[in-house]
Protein backbone atom coordinates (compact mmCIF):
# COMPACT_ATOMS: atom_id res chain seq x y z
CA MET A 1 -61.34 -112.92 -52.22
CA GLY A 2 -60.81 -112.00 -48.55
CA SER A 3 -64.04 -110.03 -48.37
CA ASP A 4 -65.91 -113.36 -48.35
CA ARG A 5 -64.32 -114.15 -44.97
CA LEU A 6 -64.94 -110.74 -43.38
CA ALA A 7 -68.16 -109.94 -41.57
CA ARG A 8 -70.53 -107.72 -43.60
CA ARG A 9 -71.98 -105.61 -40.77
CA LEU A 10 -71.76 -102.00 -41.97
CA GLY A 11 -74.61 -99.97 -43.47
CA LEU A 12 -75.19 -96.50 -44.93
CA PHE A 13 -74.90 -94.68 -41.60
CA ASP A 14 -71.57 -96.39 -40.88
CA ALA A 15 -70.29 -95.54 -44.37
CA THR A 16 -71.27 -91.87 -43.96
CA MET A 17 -69.60 -91.63 -40.53
CA LEU A 18 -66.45 -93.27 -41.92
CA VAL A 19 -66.30 -90.78 -44.79
CA MET A 20 -66.77 -87.79 -42.50
CA GLY A 21 -64.45 -89.25 -39.88
CA GLY A 22 -61.71 -89.70 -42.46
CA ILE A 23 -61.91 -86.01 -43.40
CA VAL A 24 -62.53 -84.14 -40.15
CA GLY A 25 -59.48 -84.09 -37.91
CA SER A 26 -57.92 -81.12 -36.16
CA GLY A 27 -57.26 -79.23 -39.41
CA ILE A 28 -60.55 -77.34 -39.68
CA PHE A 29 -60.01 -75.87 -36.21
CA MET A 30 -56.69 -74.34 -37.31
CA ASN A 31 -56.29 -74.32 -41.12
CA PRO A 32 -58.53 -71.28 -41.82
CA TYR A 33 -55.71 -68.95 -40.77
CA VAL A 34 -53.31 -70.53 -43.31
CA VAL A 35 -55.72 -69.69 -46.12
CA ALA A 36 -56.27 -66.15 -44.80
CA ARG A 37 -52.51 -65.49 -44.95
CA GLU A 38 -52.46 -66.24 -48.68
CA VAL A 39 -55.60 -64.37 -49.78
CA HIS A 40 -57.17 -61.48 -47.88
CA THR A 41 -60.85 -61.03 -48.74
CA PRO A 42 -63.86 -63.09 -47.61
CA PHE A 43 -64.70 -63.79 -51.26
CA LEU A 44 -61.30 -65.36 -51.96
CA ILE A 45 -61.09 -67.18 -48.61
CA LEU A 46 -64.54 -68.73 -48.90
CA GLY A 47 -63.96 -69.29 -52.63
CA ALA A 48 -60.92 -71.45 -51.82
CA TRP A 49 -62.98 -73.56 -49.39
CA ILE A 50 -65.83 -73.88 -51.88
CA LEU A 51 -63.51 -74.93 -54.73
CA GLY A 52 -61.74 -77.39 -52.45
CA GLY A 53 -65.12 -78.85 -51.52
CA ILE A 54 -66.06 -79.19 -55.18
CA VAL A 55 -62.80 -81.07 -55.86
CA ALA A 56 -63.52 -83.40 -52.92
CA LEU A 57 -67.09 -83.94 -54.15
CA ILE A 58 -65.87 -84.79 -57.65
CA GLY A 59 -63.41 -87.21 -56.06
CA ALA A 60 -66.35 -88.76 -54.21
CA PHE A 61 -68.19 -89.11 -57.55
CA VAL A 62 -65.22 -90.99 -59.00
CA TYR A 63 -64.68 -93.24 -55.99
CA GLY A 64 -68.42 -93.87 -55.79
CA GLU A 65 -68.38 -95.45 -59.24
CA LEU A 66 -65.17 -97.34 -58.48
CA ALA A 67 -66.81 -98.73 -55.32
CA ALA A 68 -69.86 -99.80 -57.32
CA ARG A 69 -67.72 -101.51 -59.98
CA ARG A 70 -65.25 -103.16 -57.59
CA PRO A 71 -66.86 -103.45 -54.13
CA GLN A 72 -63.84 -105.30 -52.73
CA VAL A 73 -61.88 -105.16 -49.50
CA GLY A 74 -58.95 -102.75 -49.75
CA GLY A 75 -60.78 -100.09 -51.78
CA GLN A 76 -58.18 -97.90 -53.45
CA TYR A 77 -55.68 -100.77 -53.40
CA ALA A 78 -58.18 -103.00 -55.23
CA TYR A 79 -59.01 -100.35 -57.86
CA ILE A 80 -55.34 -99.85 -58.74
CA ARG A 81 -54.65 -103.60 -58.75
CA GLU A 82 -57.61 -104.38 -61.02
CA ALA A 83 -57.00 -101.52 -63.46
CA PHE A 84 -53.23 -101.55 -63.75
CA ASN A 85 -50.85 -104.00 -62.13
CA PRO A 86 -50.50 -105.71 -58.74
CA ALA A 87 -47.03 -104.17 -58.46
CA VAL A 88 -48.45 -100.64 -58.55
CA ALA A 89 -51.07 -101.60 -55.97
CA PHE A 90 -48.42 -103.16 -53.74
CA VAL A 91 -46.26 -100.03 -53.85
CA TYR A 92 -49.34 -98.03 -52.82
CA GLY A 93 -49.97 -100.34 -49.83
CA TRP A 94 -46.26 -100.30 -48.98
CA GLY A 95 -46.28 -96.49 -48.84
CA LEU A 96 -49.51 -96.51 -46.83
CA LEU A 97 -47.99 -98.73 -44.14
CA LEU A 98 -44.57 -97.09 -43.93
CA VAL A 99 -45.42 -93.44 -44.55
CA THR A 100 -48.79 -91.94 -45.30
CA GLN A 101 -51.12 -93.76 -42.90
CA THR A 102 -48.91 -94.58 -39.92
CA GLY A 103 -46.94 -91.33 -40.05
CA GLY A 104 -50.13 -89.30 -40.29
CA MET A 105 -51.71 -91.22 -37.41
CA ALA A 106 -48.62 -90.71 -35.26
CA ALA A 107 -48.72 -86.95 -35.86
CA VAL A 108 -52.46 -86.72 -35.09
CA ALA A 109 -51.95 -88.85 -31.95
CA VAL A 110 -49.35 -86.38 -30.68
CA THR A 111 -51.78 -83.51 -31.41
CA PHE A 112 -54.34 -85.36 -29.27
CA ALA A 113 -51.75 -85.82 -26.52
CA ARG A 114 -50.90 -82.11 -26.40
CA TYR A 115 -54.55 -81.10 -26.02
CA PHE A 116 -55.04 -83.88 -23.45
CA ILE A 117 -52.14 -82.46 -21.40
CA GLU A 118 -53.56 -78.93 -21.72
CA LEU A 119 -56.95 -80.09 -20.40
CA THR A 120 -55.78 -82.43 -17.63
CA GLY A 121 -52.46 -80.92 -16.55
CA SER A 122 -50.84 -84.34 -16.97
CA ARG A 123 -47.04 -84.45 -16.74
CA LEU A 124 -46.67 -87.56 -18.84
CA PRO A 125 -44.63 -87.17 -22.05
CA ASP A 126 -46.83 -86.42 -25.06
CA ALA A 127 -45.26 -89.31 -27.01
CA LEU A 128 -46.33 -91.75 -24.28
CA ILE A 129 -49.91 -90.45 -24.25
CA ALA A 130 -50.00 -90.62 -28.06
CA ALA A 131 -48.74 -94.21 -28.05
CA SER A 132 -51.29 -95.16 -25.38
CA ALA A 133 -54.16 -93.71 -27.43
CA LEU A 134 -53.01 -95.65 -30.49
CA ALA A 135 -52.71 -98.85 -28.44
CA VAL A 136 -56.23 -98.50 -27.00
CA LEU A 137 -57.74 -97.93 -30.46
CA THR A 138 -55.81 -100.92 -31.79
CA ILE A 139 -57.36 -103.11 -29.08
CA VAL A 140 -60.86 -101.74 -29.82
CA ASN A 141 -60.55 -102.50 -33.52
CA CYS A 142 -59.35 -106.03 -32.82
CA GLN A 143 -62.80 -106.65 -31.35
CA GLY A 144 -64.36 -106.54 -34.81
CA VAL A 145 -65.64 -104.09 -37.39
CA ARG A 146 -68.88 -103.52 -35.48
CA ALA A 147 -67.06 -102.46 -32.32
CA GLY A 148 -64.57 -100.31 -34.22
CA SER A 149 -67.30 -98.69 -36.30
CA GLY A 150 -69.43 -98.06 -33.19
CA VAL A 151 -66.61 -96.18 -31.46
CA GLN A 152 -65.80 -94.31 -34.69
CA SER A 153 -69.44 -93.25 -35.23
CA ALA A 154 -69.78 -92.06 -31.62
CA LEU A 155 -66.60 -89.98 -31.91
CA MET A 156 -67.69 -88.58 -35.29
CA LEU A 157 -71.04 -87.44 -33.90
CA THR A 158 -69.19 -85.82 -30.97
CA LYS A 159 -66.96 -84.02 -33.47
CA VAL A 160 -70.01 -82.71 -35.30
CA VAL A 161 -71.45 -81.45 -32.00
CA ALA A 162 -68.15 -79.67 -31.23
CA ILE A 163 -68.10 -77.98 -34.65
CA LEU A 164 -71.77 -76.99 -34.40
CA GLY A 165 -71.06 -75.63 -30.91
CA LEU A 166 -68.25 -73.49 -32.32
CA ILE A 167 -70.53 -72.17 -35.05
CA PHE A 168 -73.46 -71.48 -32.70
CA CYS A 169 -71.38 -69.78 -30.00
CA GLY A 170 -69.56 -67.65 -32.56
CA PHE A 171 -72.80 -66.37 -34.06
CA ALA A 172 -74.77 -66.09 -30.82
CA TRP A 173 -72.34 -64.60 -28.30
CA ALA A 174 -69.17 -63.31 -30.02
CA GLY A 175 -68.90 -59.80 -31.37
CA THR A 176 -68.47 -58.90 -35.02
CA ALA A 177 -65.11 -57.77 -36.37
CA ASP A 178 -64.91 -54.76 -38.65
CA SER A 179 -61.65 -55.75 -40.34
CA ASN A 180 -63.09 -57.71 -43.27
CA ALA A 181 -61.53 -56.40 -46.48
CA ALA A 182 -63.81 -54.65 -48.92
CA GLY A 183 -64.10 -55.86 -52.50
CA LEU A 184 -63.91 -59.27 -54.05
CA VAL A 185 -60.15 -59.55 -54.59
CA ASP A 186 -57.14 -58.17 -52.72
CA ARG A 187 -55.00 -57.38 -55.79
CA PRO A 188 -55.44 -56.87 -59.52
CA VAL A 189 -56.45 -59.92 -61.53
CA SER A 190 -53.07 -61.29 -62.59
CA LEU A 191 -50.75 -64.28 -62.42
CA ASP A 192 -49.83 -63.19 -58.89
CA LEU A 193 -53.50 -63.53 -57.82
CA VAL A 194 -53.74 -66.96 -59.43
CA GLN A 195 -50.58 -68.14 -57.66
CA ALA A 196 -51.80 -66.80 -54.31
CA PHE A 197 -55.18 -68.49 -54.72
CA GLY A 198 -53.43 -71.72 -55.70
CA ALA A 199 -51.28 -71.52 -52.56
CA ALA A 200 -54.44 -70.97 -50.48
CA LEU A 201 -56.05 -74.00 -52.10
CA ILE A 202 -53.29 -76.43 -51.01
CA PRO A 203 -54.15 -76.48 -47.23
CA VAL A 204 -57.84 -76.58 -48.17
CA LEU A 205 -57.36 -79.72 -50.29
CA PHE A 206 -55.45 -81.33 -47.44
CA ALA A 207 -58.25 -80.43 -44.99
CA TYR A 208 -60.77 -82.14 -47.29
CA GLY A 209 -58.61 -85.24 -47.77
CA GLY A 210 -59.34 -88.61 -46.20
CA TRP A 211 -62.75 -89.49 -47.65
CA GLN A 212 -61.17 -92.20 -49.82
CA THR A 213 -60.24 -94.35 -46.81
CA ALA A 214 -63.88 -95.41 -46.33
CA SER A 215 -63.47 -97.51 -49.48
CA PHE A 216 -61.02 -99.79 -47.63
CA VAL A 217 -63.88 -101.46 -45.73
CA ALA A 218 -66.12 -102.11 -48.75
CA GLY A 219 -65.74 -105.84 -48.11
CA GLU A 220 -67.43 -105.41 -44.73
CA MET A 221 -70.47 -103.46 -45.93
CA ARG A 222 -73.80 -105.20 -46.31
CA ASP A 223 -74.46 -103.54 -49.69
CA PRO A 224 -71.30 -101.70 -50.80
CA ARG A 225 -72.57 -101.05 -54.35
CA LYS A 226 -75.33 -98.83 -52.92
CA ASP A 227 -74.15 -97.72 -49.49
CA LEU A 228 -70.56 -96.70 -50.23
CA PRO A 229 -71.37 -94.31 -53.12
CA ARG A 230 -74.22 -92.80 -51.08
CA GLY A 231 -72.04 -92.55 -47.98
CA LEU A 232 -69.31 -90.81 -49.99
CA LEU A 233 -71.69 -88.21 -51.41
CA ILE A 234 -73.60 -87.57 -48.15
CA GLY A 235 -70.43 -87.51 -46.04
CA VAL A 236 -68.44 -85.15 -48.30
CA SER A 237 -71.45 -82.84 -48.74
CA GLY A 238 -71.93 -82.69 -44.97
CA VAL A 239 -68.28 -81.80 -44.40
CA ILE A 240 -68.41 -79.04 -47.04
CA ILE A 241 -71.34 -77.43 -45.19
CA LEU A 242 -69.57 -77.69 -41.82
CA TYR A 243 -66.27 -76.31 -43.17
CA LEU A 244 -67.92 -73.34 -44.87
CA ALA A 245 -69.88 -72.51 -41.71
CA VAL A 246 -66.70 -72.60 -39.60
CA ASN A 247 -64.96 -70.20 -41.99
CA VAL A 248 -67.95 -67.85 -42.08
CA VAL A 249 -68.02 -67.63 -38.28
CA CYS A 250 -64.22 -67.12 -38.12
CA LEU A 251 -64.45 -64.26 -40.62
CA ARG A 252 -67.42 -62.76 -38.78
CA VAL A 253 -65.75 -62.81 -35.35
CA LEU A 254 -62.07 -62.28 -36.23
CA GLY A 255 -62.22 -60.52 -39.61
CA THR A 256 -59.72 -61.20 -42.37
CA THR A 257 -56.91 -59.40 -40.51
CA GLY A 258 -57.55 -61.15 -37.21
CA LEU A 259 -57.88 -64.54 -38.90
CA ALA A 260 -54.54 -64.10 -40.68
CA ALA A 261 -52.88 -62.93 -37.44
CA THR A 262 -53.77 -65.99 -35.31
CA THR A 263 -52.70 -69.63 -35.39
CA THR A 264 -55.63 -70.79 -33.22
CA PRO A 265 -58.76 -69.36 -34.88
CA ALA A 266 -61.25 -71.77 -33.29
CA SER A 267 -59.90 -71.07 -29.80
CA ASP A 268 -60.02 -67.30 -30.44
CA VAL A 269 -63.65 -67.50 -31.57
CA MET A 270 -64.68 -69.51 -28.50
CA ARG A 271 -62.80 -67.20 -26.14
CA ALA A 272 -64.54 -64.23 -27.73
CA ALA A 273 -67.87 -65.95 -27.11
CA LEU A 274 -67.40 -67.60 -23.70
CA GLY A 275 -64.07 -66.43 -22.28
CA ASN A 276 -61.55 -68.93 -20.88
CA ILE A 277 -64.18 -71.64 -20.50
CA GLY A 278 -64.76 -71.37 -24.26
CA GLY A 279 -61.07 -72.00 -24.86
CA ARG A 280 -61.17 -75.14 -22.72
CA LEU A 281 -64.34 -76.38 -24.41
CA ILE A 282 -62.85 -76.08 -27.88
CA ALA A 283 -59.63 -77.74 -26.66
CA ALA A 284 -61.78 -80.69 -25.59
CA GLY A 285 -63.52 -80.63 -28.97
CA ILE A 286 -60.22 -80.69 -30.83
CA ALA A 287 -58.92 -83.55 -28.65
CA ILE A 288 -62.06 -85.60 -29.41
CA SER A 289 -61.80 -84.71 -33.09
CA THR A 290 -58.23 -85.99 -33.33
CA LEU A 291 -59.18 -89.16 -31.45
CA GLY A 292 -62.05 -89.74 -33.88
CA PHE A 293 -59.71 -89.30 -36.84
CA LEU A 294 -57.35 -91.88 -35.34
CA SER A 295 -60.22 -94.28 -34.76
CA GLN A 296 -61.26 -94.04 -38.41
CA GLY A 297 -57.72 -94.69 -39.64
CA MET A 298 -57.26 -97.62 -37.27
CA LEU A 299 -60.48 -99.17 -38.57
CA THR A 300 -60.02 -98.68 -42.32
CA ALA A 301 -56.37 -98.87 -43.44
CA PRO A 302 -55.54 -102.38 -42.08
CA ARG A 303 -57.94 -103.76 -44.70
CA VAL A 304 -55.37 -102.79 -47.35
CA TYR A 305 -52.60 -104.82 -45.68
CA PHE A 306 -55.09 -107.68 -45.28
CA ALA A 307 -55.86 -107.54 -49.02
CA MET A 308 -52.14 -107.55 -49.82
CA ALA A 309 -51.71 -110.72 -47.75
CA GLU A 310 -54.74 -112.27 -49.48
CA ASP A 311 -53.01 -111.61 -52.81
CA GLY A 312 -49.94 -113.47 -51.56
CA LEU A 313 -47.88 -110.26 -51.53
CA PHE A 314 -47.35 -109.92 -47.80
CA PHE A 315 -46.89 -112.05 -44.69
CA LYS A 316 -49.54 -114.78 -44.74
CA ASN A 317 -50.48 -114.12 -41.10
CA VAL A 318 -51.50 -110.54 -41.97
CA GLY A 319 -54.44 -112.14 -43.79
CA ARG A 320 -55.50 -114.00 -40.64
CA ILE A 321 -59.05 -113.39 -39.42
CA ASP A 322 -60.00 -113.88 -35.80
CA PRO A 323 -62.74 -116.56 -35.77
CA ARG A 324 -64.57 -114.83 -32.91
CA THR A 325 -64.59 -111.21 -34.11
CA GLN A 326 -64.11 -111.83 -37.86
CA ALA A 327 -61.61 -108.96 -37.85
CA PRO A 328 -58.17 -108.96 -39.57
CA VAL A 329 -56.48 -108.68 -36.18
CA VAL A 330 -52.89 -109.16 -37.34
CA ALA A 331 -53.26 -106.35 -39.91
CA VAL A 332 -54.77 -104.08 -37.25
CA ILE A 333 -51.98 -104.87 -34.78
CA LEU A 334 -49.29 -104.39 -37.46
CA GLN A 335 -50.51 -100.88 -38.21
CA GLY A 336 -50.84 -100.08 -34.51
CA ILE A 337 -47.24 -101.14 -33.85
CA PHE A 338 -45.85 -99.03 -36.71
CA ALA A 339 -47.86 -95.96 -35.64
CA VAL A 340 -46.78 -96.37 -31.98
CA LEU A 341 -43.11 -96.71 -32.97
CA ILE A 342 -43.24 -93.56 -35.10
CA ALA A 343 -45.02 -91.64 -32.32
CA LEU A 344 -42.39 -92.72 -29.79
CA SER A 345 -39.53 -91.93 -32.18
CA GLY A 346 -40.59 -88.30 -32.58
CA ARG A 347 -39.93 -88.45 -36.33
CA TYR A 348 -43.55 -88.13 -37.45
CA GLU A 349 -43.10 -84.49 -38.48
CA GLN A 350 -40.27 -85.40 -40.84
CA ILE A 351 -42.41 -88.18 -42.31
CA LEU A 352 -45.34 -85.85 -42.84
CA ASN A 353 -43.11 -83.52 -44.83
CA TYR A 354 -42.96 -86.00 -47.70
CA VAL A 355 -46.35 -87.73 -47.65
CA VAL A 356 -48.15 -85.06 -49.65
CA SER A 357 -46.82 -85.92 -53.10
CA VAL A 358 -47.23 -89.65 -52.44
CA ASP A 359 -50.86 -89.26 -51.32
CA PHE A 360 -52.01 -87.17 -54.27
CA MET A 361 -50.04 -89.26 -56.74
CA PHE A 362 -52.11 -92.31 -55.83
CA PHE A 363 -55.36 -90.31 -55.73
CA GLY A 364 -54.72 -89.50 -59.38
CA ILE A 365 -53.73 -93.08 -60.26
CA ALA A 366 -56.87 -94.47 -58.59
CA ALA A 367 -59.07 -91.97 -60.42
CA ALA A 368 -57.39 -92.89 -63.72
CA SER A 369 -58.33 -96.50 -63.07
CA LEU A 370 -61.96 -95.55 -63.72
CA PHE A 371 -61.17 -95.03 -67.41
CA VAL A 372 -59.58 -98.49 -67.58
CA LEU A 373 -62.35 -100.28 -65.68
CA ARG A 374 -65.14 -98.63 -67.68
CA LYS A 375 -63.52 -99.71 -70.94
CA ARG A 376 -62.84 -103.22 -69.66
CA ASP A 377 -66.35 -103.68 -68.25
CA ALA A 378 -67.91 -102.42 -71.47
CA ALA A 379 -65.85 -104.89 -73.49
CA SER A 380 -66.93 -107.78 -71.25
CA ASP A 381 -70.52 -106.52 -71.12
CA VAL A 382 -70.52 -106.14 -67.33
CA ARG A 383 -73.85 -104.81 -66.11
CA SER A 384 -75.31 -104.13 -62.69
CA SER A 385 -78.81 -103.04 -61.78
CA THR A 386 -77.35 -101.00 -58.92
CA GLN A 387 -74.50 -99.49 -60.94
CA TYR A 388 -73.61 -95.95 -59.90
CA LEU A 389 -72.08 -93.75 -62.61
CA ALA A 390 -69.89 -90.74 -61.83
CA PRO A 391 -71.71 -87.57 -63.01
CA GLY A 392 -69.90 -85.71 -65.77
CA HIS A 393 -67.37 -88.44 -66.53
CA PRO A 394 -64.91 -88.20 -68.30
CA TRP A 395 -64.68 -84.43 -67.75
CA THR A 396 -65.10 -84.47 -63.98
CA THR A 397 -62.71 -87.41 -63.60
CA GLY A 398 -60.15 -85.68 -65.81
CA PHE A 399 -60.51 -82.49 -63.77
CA PHE A 400 -59.86 -84.40 -60.54
CA ILE A 401 -56.78 -86.10 -62.00
CA THR A 402 -55.47 -82.72 -63.21
CA ILE A 403 -55.87 -81.20 -59.73
CA CYS A 404 -54.01 -84.16 -58.19
CA ALA A 405 -51.20 -83.73 -60.73
CA LEU A 406 -50.94 -79.99 -59.98
CA VAL A 407 -50.68 -80.67 -56.24
CA VAL A 408 -47.90 -83.21 -56.86
CA VAL A 409 -46.01 -80.82 -59.14
CA ASN A 410 -46.42 -77.96 -56.65
CA THR A 411 -45.09 -80.16 -53.85
CA ILE A 412 -42.10 -81.26 -55.93
CA ILE A 413 -41.23 -77.63 -56.68
CA ARG A 414 -41.65 -76.44 -53.09
CA TYR A 415 -40.17 -79.47 -51.29
CA PRO A 416 -37.85 -81.29 -53.74
CA ALA A 417 -35.74 -83.01 -51.06
CA ASN A 418 -38.79 -84.33 -49.21
CA THR A 419 -40.35 -85.53 -52.46
CA ILE A 420 -37.19 -87.49 -53.30
CA ILE A 421 -37.36 -89.23 -49.90
CA GLY A 422 -40.98 -90.20 -50.56
CA VAL A 423 -40.14 -91.54 -54.02
CA VAL A 424 -37.18 -93.54 -52.65
CA ILE A 425 -39.43 -95.21 -50.06
CA LEU A 426 -41.91 -96.11 -52.81
CA LEU A 427 -39.18 -97.45 -55.11
CA ALA A 428 -37.88 -99.60 -52.24
CA GLY A 429 -41.23 -101.38 -52.38
CA ILE A 430 -40.57 -102.70 -55.92
CA PRO A 431 -37.91 -105.32 -55.00
CA VAL A 432 -40.03 -106.24 -51.97
CA TYR A 433 -42.97 -106.88 -54.31
CA PHE A 434 -40.96 -109.24 -56.52
CA PHE A 435 -39.63 -111.00 -53.42
CA TRP A 436 -43.18 -111.75 -52.21
CA ARG A 437 -44.43 -112.62 -55.69
CA ASN A 438 -41.69 -115.14 -56.19
CA ARG A 439 -42.50 -116.76 -52.84
CA ARG A 440 -46.07 -117.57 -53.90
């Protein structure tokens, strides 16, 4: 497979940074207020973030075992291909390139551009700054996995420093709000409470998403059977701790009422602690955080398109490896071009409206592949001295699949038109798959 031609240069630290970098974007600096508008007591707010973290951790358990069983380039793409059918895997990669990955990166790049303009006073259009950031990261990642991972790790550590700075300043120098609601729940225990808590959980699950993208570079890890499962567990656990601490400090400084009333909770906390300079510092932190998220996506996702080309299901040149850097440069450039075009078009927000159901649909399909691969490996007596097994399987895996299904159903109910668009894009990949298969 293609992983034999890629350079194996990544270790446990790189895997952990990739996991954390795939999760932590700009969302944690803003999403706490969305949760506080749905439920109104610290117990419920923190409970939503804890439950979301548990779901992410169970997902990491599942993907950890998948990585140990199939430590191949492409990660999630490879799991789906091996367990089900290459057509299903192709449709996943098709959606990743046209919608979920490139559209998401375009949106995050524009977020970076807006904070960059706020900090520098630049008069350049935000779309141009966003496209420039994407182009620079594309060039960096064409220099090889070591260069791309080095930049990604540096940005991830800077993000952690920014989050820790927010937490420290909020506790050390900001006052304490007295508007935290008393009691555990804000309404009688009823279906209405369950629905409200479910609504609060949706933005939390999105904020925790992204850890699965580290699996795309399994083919470039020195020991993916050991390092990827460990990186998943360490990285997700670290993010859970950071996210809970951010929410605790937001509740302490702003209170439940103040948190629900703002759309910029992190900025409000820093202004309460350090005045206007605090606002500028957190703006810089958010800009770096978005840039780090882009760097992670630019490094990981092209490995899926590379794997598709290796399978003979995409342009042959997309599987080309630069002999000097041992990087899949054409795949990296392809993703960069699509992301730049979407950023310049200004249609990234419309694209993001229908990626949710697609994303969680394939999370569930990938997790279901663990049942298939376990049964198949047992039948063929596959054994590995380094085999990692997901704790609590099949119950934990079933729980994760159920959560994914509920998110998809909720999205279909709330955004039926957007869901149809997403499904149409995926279905358009089916004739494309047969076209490429017949060309082999």
